[in-house]
Amino acid sequence: MTRRLTITTLALALAVLSLGIGSATAPARAAAPTKIGVFDSRAVALAYWRSDVGMRELRALHEEYAKAKAANDETRIKELEQEGPWRQVRMHQQVFSTATAATILEKVSDKLPGVAKEAGVSAIVSKWEVPYKDASIETVDVTLSIVRLFNQDPQTLKMIQEMSAQPPIPFEKLPLDPNM
């Protein structure tokens, strides 16, 4: 009985030791990378400003200006005469450089979770706003998925494709004077 107990105890001890040794020498499983969606803010800006929604926004500004002129509202005329050129500067910063597209994305914020889910990503950020990422982060380009939210025509999609082959103009090299 003692001999059987000793053999059973030794067998059990060896089994436990082999499990411990096996797990210590087994290769550690690599954690799945965190995936984030990245987009080219220039493409998103171009898609927006050429979309029906973007064009309506610009038309509304022109209509407001026409109403101010018709009402002879000098204060509002002056405000709009400043706003128009400055808006053009902001549009150029967005389309040709790396200015934020945050206000544009607000217009489709309810659709971004769907874009993220379709791409299998946890977050969506401008590709110009990722100065560093370690090996545990994988980026997935979601530019075209976001662009499609603005129902773009083939001509705009072609422009976006051509734009993606060009680097953005450095922000500091863009003129800030709206009268240039």
N, C-alpha and C. Protein backbone atom coordinates (compact mmCIF):
# COMPACT_ATOMS: atom_id res chain seq x y z
N MET A 1 0.82 -1.18 0.00
CA MET A 1 0.00 0.00 0.00
C MET A 1 0.87 1.25 0.00
N THR A 2 1.94 1.26 0.83
CA THR A 2 2.83 2.38 0.88
C THR A 2 3.57 2.51 -0.43
N ARG A 3 3.93 1.37 -0.99
CA ARG A 3 4.64 1.40 -2.27
C ARG A 3 3.73 1.96 -3.36
N ARG A 4 2.46 1.54 -3.37
CA ARG A 4 1.52 2.03 -4.37
C ARG A 4 1.28 3.53 -4.18
N LEU A 5 1.21 3.99 -2.96
CA LEU A 5 1.02 5.41 -2.66
C LEU A 5 2.23 6.21 -3.12
N THR A 6 3.43 5.68 -2.92
CA THR A 6 4.65 6.35 -3.34
C THR A 6 4.71 6.43 -4.86
N ILE A 7 4.38 5.37 -5.55
CA ILE A 7 4.40 5.37 -7.02
C ILE A 7 3.34 6.35 -7.55
N THR A 8 2.18 6.35 -6.95
CA THR A 8 1.12 7.26 -7.38
C THR A 8 1.54 8.71 -7.13
N THR A 9 2.14 8.96 -5.99
CA THR A 9 2.60 10.31 -5.66
C THR A 9 3.68 10.77 -6.63
N LEU A 10 4.64 9.86 -6.93
CA LEU A 10 5.70 10.19 -7.89
C LEU A 10 5.13 10.45 -9.28
N ALA A 11 4.20 9.65 -9.71
CA ALA A 11 3.58 9.83 -11.03
C ALA A 11 2.85 11.16 -11.10
N LEU A 12 2.13 11.47 -10.04
CA LEU A 12 1.41 12.73 -9.98
C LEU A 12 2.39 13.91 -9.97
N ALA A 13 3.48 13.79 -9.21
CA ALA A 13 4.48 14.86 -9.15
C ALA A 13 5.14 15.06 -10.51
N LEU A 14 5.45 13.97 -11.19
CA LEU A 14 6.05 14.07 -12.54
C LEU A 14 5.07 14.71 -13.52
N ALA A 15 3.82 14.35 -13.41
CA ALA A 15 2.81 14.93 -14.30
C ALA A 15 2.71 16.44 -14.07
N VAL A 16 2.68 16.86 -12.82
CA VAL A 16 2.61 18.28 -12.50
C VAL A 16 3.86 19.00 -12.98
N LEU A 17 5.02 18.40 -12.75
CA LEU A 17 6.27 19.01 -13.21
C LEU A 17 6.30 19.13 -14.73
N SER A 18 5.85 18.10 -15.41
CA SER A 18 5.89 18.16 -16.88
C SER A 18 4.94 19.22 -17.41
N LEU A 19 3.82 19.41 -16.74
CA LEU A 19 2.91 20.49 -17.15
C LEU A 19 3.58 21.85 -16.95
N GLY A 20 4.24 22.00 -15.83
CA GLY A 20 4.92 23.27 -15.55
C GLY A 20 6.04 23.53 -16.52
N ILE A 21 6.82 22.50 -16.82
CA ILE A 21 7.93 22.65 -17.76
C ILE A 21 7.41 22.92 -19.16
N GLY A 22 6.37 22.20 -19.54
CA GLY A 22 5.79 22.38 -20.88
C GLY A 22 5.28 23.79 -21.08
N SER A 23 4.60 24.33 -20.07
CA SER A 23 4.07 25.68 -20.25
C SER A 23 5.17 26.72 -20.18
N ALA A 24 6.24 26.42 -19.47
CA ALA A 24 7.34 27.38 -19.39
C ALA A 24 8.11 27.44 -20.69
N THR A 25 8.15 26.32 -21.40
CA THR A 25 8.91 26.31 -22.65
C THR A 25 8.02 26.55 -23.87
N ALA A 26 6.71 26.52 -23.70
CA ALA A 26 5.82 26.75 -24.84
C ALA A 26 5.95 28.22 -25.27
N PRO A 27 5.97 28.47 -26.57
CA PRO A 27 6.07 29.86 -27.01
C PRO A 27 4.84 30.66 -26.59
N ALA A 28 5.08 31.85 -26.14
CA ALA A 28 3.98 32.72 -25.74
C ALA A 28 3.21 33.14 -26.98
N ARG A 29 1.90 33.14 -26.86
CA ARG A 29 1.08 33.58 -27.99
C ARG A 29 1.14 35.09 -28.10
N ALA A 30 1.36 35.56 -29.31
CA ALA A 30 1.42 37.01 -29.52
C ALA A 30 0.00 37.57 -29.43
N ALA A 31 -0.13 38.66 -28.75
CA ALA A 31 -1.43 39.33 -28.66
C ALA A 31 -1.78 39.88 -30.04
N ALA A 32 -3.06 39.81 -30.36
CA ALA A 32 -3.51 40.37 -31.64
C ALA A 32 -3.24 41.86 -31.63
N PRO A 33 -2.79 42.41 -32.76
CA PRO A 33 -2.51 43.86 -32.78
C PRO A 33 -3.80 44.66 -32.63
N THR A 34 -3.69 45.83 -32.06
CA THR A 34 -4.80 46.76 -32.02
C THR A 34 -4.87 47.41 -33.38
N LYS A 35 -6.05 47.41 -33.96
CA LYS A 35 -6.22 47.99 -35.30
C LYS A 35 -6.89 49.35 -35.18
N ILE A 36 -6.29 50.34 -35.85
CA ILE A 36 -6.93 51.65 -35.95
C ILE A 36 -7.10 52.02 -37.41
N GLY A 37 -8.21 52.66 -37.70
CA GLY A 37 -8.45 53.12 -39.06
C GLY A 37 -7.81 54.48 -39.26
N VAL A 38 -7.16 54.65 -40.40
CA VAL A 38 -6.57 55.94 -40.73
C VAL A 38 -7.16 56.43 -42.05
N PHE A 39 -7.22 57.74 -42.19
CA PHE A 39 -7.76 58.31 -43.42
C PHE A 39 -6.92 59.51 -43.83
N ASP A 40 -6.95 59.80 -45.13
CA ASP A 40 -6.30 60.98 -45.67
C ASP A 40 -7.31 62.12 -45.57
N SER A 41 -7.04 63.05 -44.67
CA SER A 41 -7.98 64.16 -44.44
C SER A 41 -8.19 65.00 -45.69
N ARG A 42 -7.20 65.05 -46.57
CA ARG A 42 -7.35 65.82 -47.82
C ARG A 42 -8.46 65.23 -48.68
N ALA A 43 -8.49 63.91 -48.77
CA ALA A 43 -9.50 63.22 -49.58
C ALA A 43 -10.89 63.44 -48.98
N VAL A 44 -10.98 63.36 -47.66
CA VAL A 44 -12.27 63.57 -46.99
C VAL A 44 -12.75 65.00 -47.24
N ALA A 45 -11.85 65.97 -47.13
CA ALA A 45 -12.23 67.36 -47.37
C ALA A 45 -12.68 67.58 -48.81
N LEU A 46 -11.93 67.05 -49.76
CA LEU A 46 -12.32 67.20 -51.16
C LEU A 46 -13.68 66.55 -51.41
N ALA A 47 -13.89 65.37 -50.87
CA ALA A 47 -15.17 64.68 -51.04
C ALA A 47 -16.31 65.51 -50.46
N TYR A 48 -16.08 66.07 -49.29
CA TYR A 48 -17.13 66.87 -48.66
C TYR A 48 -17.44 68.12 -49.46
N TRP A 49 -16.42 68.90 -49.79
CA TRP A 49 -16.67 70.18 -50.45
C TRP A 49 -17.24 70.01 -51.85
N ARG A 50 -17.03 68.85 -52.48
CA ARG A 50 -17.62 68.59 -53.80
C ARG A 50 -18.95 67.85 -53.70
N SER A 51 -19.36 67.52 -52.49
CA SER A 51 -20.62 66.80 -52.30
C SER A 51 -21.80 67.77 -52.32
N ASP A 52 -22.99 67.24 -52.42
CA ASP A 52 -24.20 68.07 -52.36
C ASP A 52 -24.27 68.84 -51.04
N VAL A 53 -23.91 68.18 -49.94
CA VAL A 53 -23.95 68.82 -48.62
C VAL A 53 -22.96 69.99 -48.56
N GLY A 54 -21.75 69.78 -49.01
CA GLY A 54 -20.74 70.84 -49.01
C GLY A 54 -21.13 71.99 -49.92
N MET A 55 -21.66 71.66 -51.08
CA MET A 55 -22.08 72.71 -52.02
C MET A 55 -23.25 73.51 -51.45
N ARG A 56 -24.17 72.84 -50.75
CA ARG A 56 -25.28 73.56 -50.11
C ARG A 56 -24.76 74.53 -49.06
N GLU A 57 -23.75 74.11 -48.32
CA GLU A 57 -23.17 74.99 -47.30
C GLU A 57 -22.60 76.25 -47.95
N LEU A 58 -21.91 76.09 -49.06
CA LEU A 58 -21.33 77.25 -49.76
C LEU A 58 -22.42 78.12 -50.38
N ARG A 59 -23.45 77.48 -50.95
CA ARG A 59 -24.56 78.25 -51.52
C ARG A 59 -25.27 79.05 -50.43
N ALA A 60 -25.42 78.45 -49.25
CA ALA A 60 -26.08 79.15 -48.14
C ALA A 60 -25.32 80.41 -47.76
N LEU A 61 -24.00 80.33 -47.80
CA LEU A 61 -23.18 81.52 -47.49
C LEU A 61 -23.41 82.60 -48.55
N HIS A 62 -23.46 82.20 -49.82
CA HIS A 62 -23.71 83.17 -50.90
C HIS A 62 -25.12 83.77 -50.79
N GLU A 63 -26.09 82.92 -50.45
CA GLU A 63 -27.46 83.42 -50.30
C GLU A 63 -27.57 84.40 -49.13
N GLU A 64 -26.89 84.08 -48.05
CA GLU A 64 -26.90 84.97 -46.89
C GLU A 64 -26.28 86.32 -47.26
N TYR A 65 -25.24 86.27 -48.06
CA TYR A 65 -24.59 87.51 -48.51
C TYR A 65 -25.56 88.32 -49.39
N ALA A 66 -26.24 87.64 -50.29
CA ALA A 66 -27.19 88.33 -51.17
C ALA A 66 -28.32 88.96 -50.35
N LYS A 67 -28.80 88.27 -49.34
CA LYS A 67 -29.86 88.83 -48.48
C LYS A 67 -29.35 90.05 -47.72
N ALA A 68 -28.14 89.98 -47.23
CA ALA A 68 -27.56 91.11 -46.49
C ALA A 68 -27.43 92.31 -47.41
N LYS A 69 -27.02 92.05 -48.67
CA LYS A 69 -26.90 93.17 -49.63
C LYS A 69 -28.28 93.75 -49.93
N ALA A 70 -29.25 92.87 -50.14
CA ALA A 70 -30.60 93.34 -50.45
C ALA A 70 -31.18 94.14 -49.29
N ALA A 71 -30.86 93.76 -48.07
CA ALA A 71 -31.36 94.47 -46.88
C ALA A 71 -30.47 95.66 -46.52
N ASN A 72 -29.38 95.83 -47.29
CA ASN A 72 -28.43 96.90 -47.03
C ASN A 72 -27.89 96.83 -45.60
N ASP A 73 -27.66 95.58 -45.13
CA ASP A 73 -27.13 95.33 -43.78
C ASP A 73 -25.60 95.38 -43.85
N GLU A 74 -25.05 96.58 -43.70
CA GLU A 74 -23.62 96.79 -43.87
C GLU A 74 -22.78 95.96 -42.90
N THR A 75 -23.25 95.81 -41.68
CA THR A 75 -22.50 95.03 -40.69
C THR A 75 -22.38 93.57 -41.15
N ARG A 76 -23.51 92.99 -41.55
CA ARG A 76 -23.50 91.59 -42.00
C ARG A 76 -22.75 91.43 -43.32
N ILE A 77 -22.84 92.40 -44.19
CA ILE A 77 -22.10 92.36 -45.46
C ILE A 77 -20.60 92.28 -45.17
N LYS A 78 -20.12 93.13 -44.27
CA LYS A 78 -18.70 93.13 -43.93
C LYS A 78 -18.27 91.80 -43.31
N GLU A 79 -19.11 91.26 -42.42
CA GLU A 79 -18.79 89.96 -41.81
C GLU A 79 -18.67 88.87 -42.88
N LEU A 80 -19.62 88.84 -43.78
CA LEU A 80 -19.62 87.81 -44.82
C LEU A 80 -18.51 88.03 -45.85
N GLU A 81 -18.16 89.29 -46.10
CA GLU A 81 -17.05 89.56 -47.01
C GLU A 81 -15.73 89.10 -46.41
N GLN A 82 -15.65 89.00 -45.11
CA GLN A 82 -14.46 88.43 -44.47
C GLN A 82 -14.56 86.91 -44.39
N GLU A 83 -15.75 86.42 -44.06
CA GLU A 83 -15.93 84.98 -43.89
C GLU A 83 -15.66 84.21 -45.18
N GLY A 84 -16.13 84.69 -46.31
CA GLY A 84 -15.95 83.98 -47.58
C GLY A 84 -14.49 83.68 -47.90
N PRO A 85 -13.64 84.69 -47.94
CA PRO A 85 -12.23 84.42 -48.24
C PRO A 85 -11.54 83.55 -47.19
N TRP A 86 -11.89 83.73 -45.91
CA TRP A 86 -11.26 82.91 -44.87
C TRP A 86 -11.72 81.47 -44.97
N ARG A 87 -12.96 81.27 -45.34
CA ARG A 87 -13.44 79.90 -45.55
C ARG A 87 -12.67 79.24 -46.68
N GLN A 88 -12.39 80.01 -47.72
CA GLN A 88 -11.60 79.49 -48.85
C GLN A 88 -10.20 79.08 -48.37
N VAL A 89 -9.59 79.89 -47.51
CA VAL A 89 -8.28 79.55 -46.96
C VAL A 89 -8.36 78.23 -46.19
N ARG A 90 -9.38 78.09 -45.34
CA ARG A 90 -9.54 76.85 -44.57
C ARG A 90 -9.75 75.65 -45.50
N MET A 91 -10.53 75.84 -46.54
CA MET A 91 -10.76 74.75 -47.50
C MET A 91 -9.44 74.34 -48.16
N HIS A 92 -8.63 75.30 -48.54
CA HIS A 92 -7.33 74.99 -49.14
C HIS A 92 -6.43 74.26 -48.15
N GLN A 93 -6.46 74.68 -46.89
CA GLN A 93 -5.66 74.00 -45.87
C GLN A 93 -6.10 72.54 -45.72
N GLN A 94 -7.40 72.32 -45.79
CA GLN A 94 -7.91 70.95 -45.65
C GLN A 94 -7.63 70.11 -46.88
N VAL A 95 -7.84 70.65 -48.07
CA VAL A 95 -7.73 69.87 -49.30
C VAL A 95 -6.28 69.69 -49.76
N PHE A 96 -5.44 70.68 -49.55
CA PHE A 96 -4.08 70.60 -50.07
C PHE A 96 -3.01 70.30 -49.02
N SER A 97 -3.37 70.46 -47.75
CA SER A 97 -2.40 70.21 -46.69
C SER A 97 -2.99 69.22 -45.68
N THR A 98 -2.66 69.38 -44.43
CA THR A 98 -3.06 68.40 -43.42
C THR A 98 -3.95 69.00 -42.34
N ALA A 99 -4.66 70.07 -42.66
CA ALA A 99 -5.57 70.66 -41.67
C ALA A 99 -6.63 69.64 -41.28
N THR A 100 -7.15 69.78 -40.08
CA THR A 100 -8.12 68.83 -39.57
C THR A 100 -9.41 68.79 -40.40
N ALA A 101 -9.98 67.61 -40.44
CA ALA A 101 -11.27 67.42 -41.09
C ALA A 101 -12.34 67.12 -40.04
N ALA A 102 -12.06 67.47 -38.79
CA ALA A 102 -12.96 67.13 -37.68
C ALA A 102 -14.37 67.69 -37.87
N THR A 103 -14.48 68.94 -38.31
CA THR A 103 -15.82 69.52 -38.48
C THR A 103 -16.57 68.84 -39.63
N ILE A 104 -15.85 68.35 -40.60
CA ILE A 104 -16.48 67.61 -41.70
C ILE A 104 -16.96 66.25 -41.19
N LEU A 105 -16.13 65.57 -40.43
CA LEU A 105 -16.49 64.25 -39.92
C LEU A 105 -17.67 64.31 -38.95
N GLU A 106 -17.84 65.45 -38.28
CA GLU A 106 -19.00 65.61 -37.39
C GLU A 106 -20.30 65.42 -38.17
N LYS A 107 -20.30 65.76 -39.44
CA LYS A 107 -21.50 65.67 -40.26
C LYS A 107 -21.89 64.22 -40.57
N VAL A 108 -20.95 63.30 -40.42
CA VAL A 108 -21.22 61.88 -40.67
C VAL A 108 -20.85 61.02 -39.45
N SER A 109 -20.80 61.65 -38.28
CA SER A 109 -20.34 60.95 -37.08
C SER A 109 -21.20 59.73 -36.76
N ASP A 110 -22.48 59.77 -37.10
CA ASP A 110 -23.36 58.64 -36.84
C ASP A 110 -23.03 57.43 -37.72
N LYS A 111 -22.29 57.65 -38.81
CA LYS A 111 -21.95 56.56 -39.74
C LYS A 111 -20.54 56.01 -39.49
N LEU A 112 -19.74 56.71 -38.71
CA LEU A 112 -18.36 56.27 -38.48
C LEU A 112 -18.26 54.95 -37.72
N PRO A 113 -19.15 54.66 -36.76
CA PRO A 113 -19.08 53.34 -36.13
C PRO A 113 -19.25 52.20 -37.14
N GLY A 114 -20.08 52.40 -38.14
CA GLY A 114 -20.25 51.39 -39.19
C GLY A 114 -18.99 51.22 -40.02
N VAL A 115 -18.33 52.32 -40.33
CA VAL A 115 -17.06 52.26 -41.06
C VAL A 115 -16.03 51.49 -40.24
N ALA A 116 -15.98 51.80 -38.94
CA ALA A 116 -15.02 51.13 -38.05
C ALA A 116 -15.32 49.63 -37.97
N LYS A 117 -16.57 49.29 -37.83
CA LYS A 117 -16.95 47.87 -37.72
C LYS A 117 -16.61 47.12 -39.00
N GLU A 118 -16.94 47.72 -40.14
CA GLU A 118 -16.65 47.09 -41.44
C GLU A 118 -15.14 46.86 -41.62
N ALA A 119 -14.33 47.79 -41.14
CA ALA A 119 -12.87 47.69 -41.29
C ALA A 119 -12.23 46.88 -40.15
N GLY A 120 -12.99 46.60 -39.10
CA GLY A 120 -12.45 45.87 -37.96
C GLY A 120 -11.46 46.67 -37.14
N VAL A 121 -11.76 47.97 -36.97
CA VAL A 121 -10.85 48.85 -36.23
C VAL A 121 -11.51 49.37 -34.97
N SER A 122 -10.68 49.78 -34.01
CA SER A 122 -11.16 50.30 -32.73
C SER A 122 -11.29 51.80 -32.70
N ALA A 123 -10.63 52.50 -33.61
CA ALA A 123 -10.64 53.96 -33.65
C ALA A 123 -10.37 54.40 -35.08
N ILE A 124 -10.70 55.64 -35.38
CA ILE A 124 -10.42 56.23 -36.70
C ILE A 124 -9.76 57.58 -36.47
N VAL A 125 -8.59 57.78 -37.09
CA VAL A 125 -7.84 59.03 -36.96
C VAL A 125 -7.23 59.42 -38.31
N SER A 126 -6.92 60.69 -38.44
CA SER A 126 -6.23 61.16 -39.64
C SER A 126 -4.84 60.52 -39.69
N LYS A 127 -4.45 60.08 -40.85
CA LYS A 127 -3.12 59.46 -40.96
C LYS A 127 -2.01 60.46 -40.70
N TRP A 128 -2.32 61.74 -40.79
CA TRP A 128 -1.32 62.77 -40.53
C TRP A 128 -1.17 63.00 -39.03
N GLU A 129 -2.05 62.44 -38.23
CA GLU A 129 -2.02 62.64 -36.78
C GLU A 129 -1.52 61.42 -36.02
N VAL A 130 -0.77 60.56 -36.69
CA VAL A 130 -0.18 59.39 -36.05
C VAL A 130 1.34 59.51 -36.18
N PRO A 131 1.97 60.33 -35.34
CA PRO A 131 3.41 60.52 -35.47
C PRO A 131 4.22 59.32 -35.03
N TYR A 132 3.61 58.43 -34.23
CA TYR A 132 4.31 57.24 -33.77
C TYR A 132 3.28 56.16 -33.46
N LYS A 133 3.66 54.93 -33.74
CA LYS A 133 2.89 53.77 -33.32
C LYS A 133 3.87 52.62 -33.15
N ASP A 134 3.65 51.81 -32.12
CA ASP A 134 4.55 50.68 -31.94
C ASP A 134 4.02 49.47 -32.71
N ALA A 135 4.74 48.38 -32.63
CA ALA A 135 4.41 47.20 -33.43
C ALA A 135 3.08 46.57 -33.05
N SER A 136 2.53 46.92 -31.89
CA SER A 136 1.25 46.34 -31.49
C SER A 136 0.06 47.04 -32.14
N ILE A 137 0.33 48.09 -32.91
CA ILE A 137 -0.74 48.84 -33.58
C ILE A 137 -0.67 48.55 -35.08
N GLU A 138 -1.79 48.17 -35.63
CA GLU A 138 -1.90 47.95 -37.08
C GLU A 138 -2.85 49.01 -37.63
N THR A 139 -2.45 49.67 -38.72
CA THR A 139 -3.33 50.67 -39.32
C THR A 139 -4.04 50.08 -40.53
N VAL A 140 -5.28 50.50 -40.69
CA VAL A 140 -6.12 50.07 -41.81
C VAL A 140 -6.63 51.33 -42.48
N ASP A 141 -6.40 51.48 -43.78
CA ASP A 141 -6.83 52.69 -44.50
C ASP A 141 -8.35 52.64 -44.72
N VAL A 142 -9.05 53.62 -44.16
CA VAL A 142 -10.50 53.70 -44.30
C VAL A 142 -10.91 54.94 -45.10
N THR A 143 -9.96 55.52 -45.81
CA THR A 143 -10.23 56.77 -46.55
C THR A 143 -11.42 56.61 -47.49
N LEU A 144 -11.39 55.62 -48.35
CA LEU A 144 -12.47 55.49 -49.34
C LEU A 144 -13.81 55.18 -48.69
N SER A 145 -13.80 54.45 -47.59
CA SER A 145 -15.06 54.19 -46.89
C SER A 145 -15.67 55.49 -46.37
N ILE A 146 -14.84 56.39 -45.88
CA ILE A 146 -15.35 57.68 -45.40
C ILE A 146 -15.77 58.55 -46.59
N VAL A 147 -14.96 58.58 -47.63
CA VAL A 147 -15.28 59.37 -48.82
C VAL A 147 -16.65 58.96 -49.38
N ARG A 148 -16.93 57.66 -49.39
CA ARG A 148 -18.20 57.16 -49.94
C ARG A 148 -19.41 57.66 -49.14
N LEU A 149 -19.20 58.06 -47.90
CA LEU A 149 -20.30 58.59 -47.10
C LEU A 149 -20.85 59.88 -47.71
N PHE A 150 -20.06 60.53 -48.55
CA PHE A 150 -20.47 61.78 -49.19
C PHE A 150 -20.97 61.57 -50.61
N ASN A 151 -21.22 60.31 -50.99
CA ASN A 151 -21.83 59.97 -52.30
C ASN A 151 -21.12 60.65 -53.46
N GLN A 152 -19.86 60.34 -53.62
CA GLN A 152 -19.06 61.03 -54.63
C GLN A 152 -19.23 60.49 -56.04
N ASP A 153 -19.08 61.41 -56.98
CA ASP A 153 -19.15 61.10 -58.40
C ASP A 153 -17.79 60.55 -58.87
N PRO A 154 -17.77 59.88 -60.03
CA PRO A 154 -16.52 59.29 -60.53
C PRO A 154 -15.39 60.32 -60.72
N GLN A 155 -15.72 61.54 -61.12
CA GLN A 155 -14.69 62.55 -61.32
C GLN A 155 -13.98 62.88 -60.00
N THR A 156 -14.74 63.03 -58.93
CA THR A 156 -14.13 63.32 -57.63
C THR A 156 -13.31 62.14 -57.15
N LEU A 157 -13.81 60.93 -57.35
CA LEU A 157 -13.06 59.74 -56.94
C LEU A 157 -11.73 59.65 -57.70
N LYS A 158 -11.73 60.05 -58.96
CA LYS A 158 -10.49 60.06 -59.74
C LYS A 158 -9.53 61.12 -59.18
N MET A 159 -10.06 62.29 -58.83
CA MET A 159 -9.23 63.35 -58.25
C MET A 159 -8.61 62.88 -56.93
N ILE A 160 -9.39 62.17 -56.14
CA ILE A 160 -8.91 61.67 -54.85
C ILE A 160 -7.81 60.64 -55.06
N GLN A 161 -7.99 59.78 -56.04
CA GLN A 161 -6.97 58.78 -56.35
C GLN A 161 -5.66 59.46 -56.77
N GLU A 162 -5.75 60.47 -57.62
CA GLU A 162 -4.56 61.21 -58.05
C GLU A 162 -3.93 61.95 -56.87
N MET A 163 -4.75 62.51 -56.01
CA MET A 163 -4.26 63.25 -54.85
C MET A 163 -3.47 62.33 -53.92
N SER A 164 -3.93 61.11 -53.76
CA SER A 164 -3.28 60.19 -52.82
C SER A 164 -1.84 59.86 -53.23
N ALA A 165 -1.52 60.05 -54.50
CA ALA A 165 -0.15 59.79 -54.98
C ALA A 165 0.78 60.97 -54.69
N GLN A 166 0.22 62.09 -54.26
CA GLN A 166 1.01 63.30 -53.99
C GLN A 166 1.10 63.55 -52.49
N PRO A 167 2.26 63.99 -52.02
CA PRO A 167 2.34 64.35 -50.59
C PRO A 167 1.58 65.65 -50.35
N PRO A 168 1.10 65.86 -49.14
CA PRO A 168 0.43 67.14 -48.85
C PRO A 168 1.43 68.28 -48.87
N ILE A 169 0.93 69.46 -49.15
CA ILE A 169 1.76 70.66 -49.05
C ILE A 169 1.98 70.91 -47.57
N PRO A 170 3.20 71.13 -47.14
CA PRO A 170 3.41 71.42 -45.72
C PRO A 170 2.55 72.61 -45.29
N PHE A 171 1.89 72.45 -44.16
CA PHE A 171 0.95 73.45 -43.67
C PHE A 171 1.59 74.83 -43.62
N GLU A 172 2.83 74.91 -43.17
CA GLU A 172 3.49 76.21 -43.03
C GLU A 172 3.83 76.86 -44.37
N LYS A 173 3.70 76.11 -45.46
CA LYS A 173 3.99 76.69 -46.78
C LYS A 173 2.76 77.20 -47.50
N LEU A 174 1.58 76.96 -46.91
CA LEU A 174 0.36 77.47 -47.52
C LEU A 174 0.18 78.94 -47.19
N PRO A 175 -0.24 79.73 -48.15
CA PRO A 175 -0.49 81.16 -47.85
C PRO A 175 -1.70 81.28 -46.92
N LEU A 176 -1.59 82.17 -45.96
CA LEU A 176 -2.68 82.40 -45.03
C LEU A 176 -3.47 83.67 -45.37
N ASP A 177 -2.97 84.45 -46.30
CA ASP A 177 -3.65 85.68 -46.68
C ASP A 177 -4.80 85.35 -47.63
N PRO A 178 -6.04 85.61 -47.22
CA PRO A 178 -7.16 85.29 -48.10
C PRO A 178 -7.24 86.17 -49.34
N ASN A 179 -6.44 87.21 -49.39
CA ASN A 179 -6.48 88.12 -50.54
C ASN A 179 -5.43 87.77 -51.58
N MET A 180 -4.74 86.66 -51.41
CA MET A 180 -3.70 86.30 -52.38
C MET A 180 -4.31 85.60 -53.56
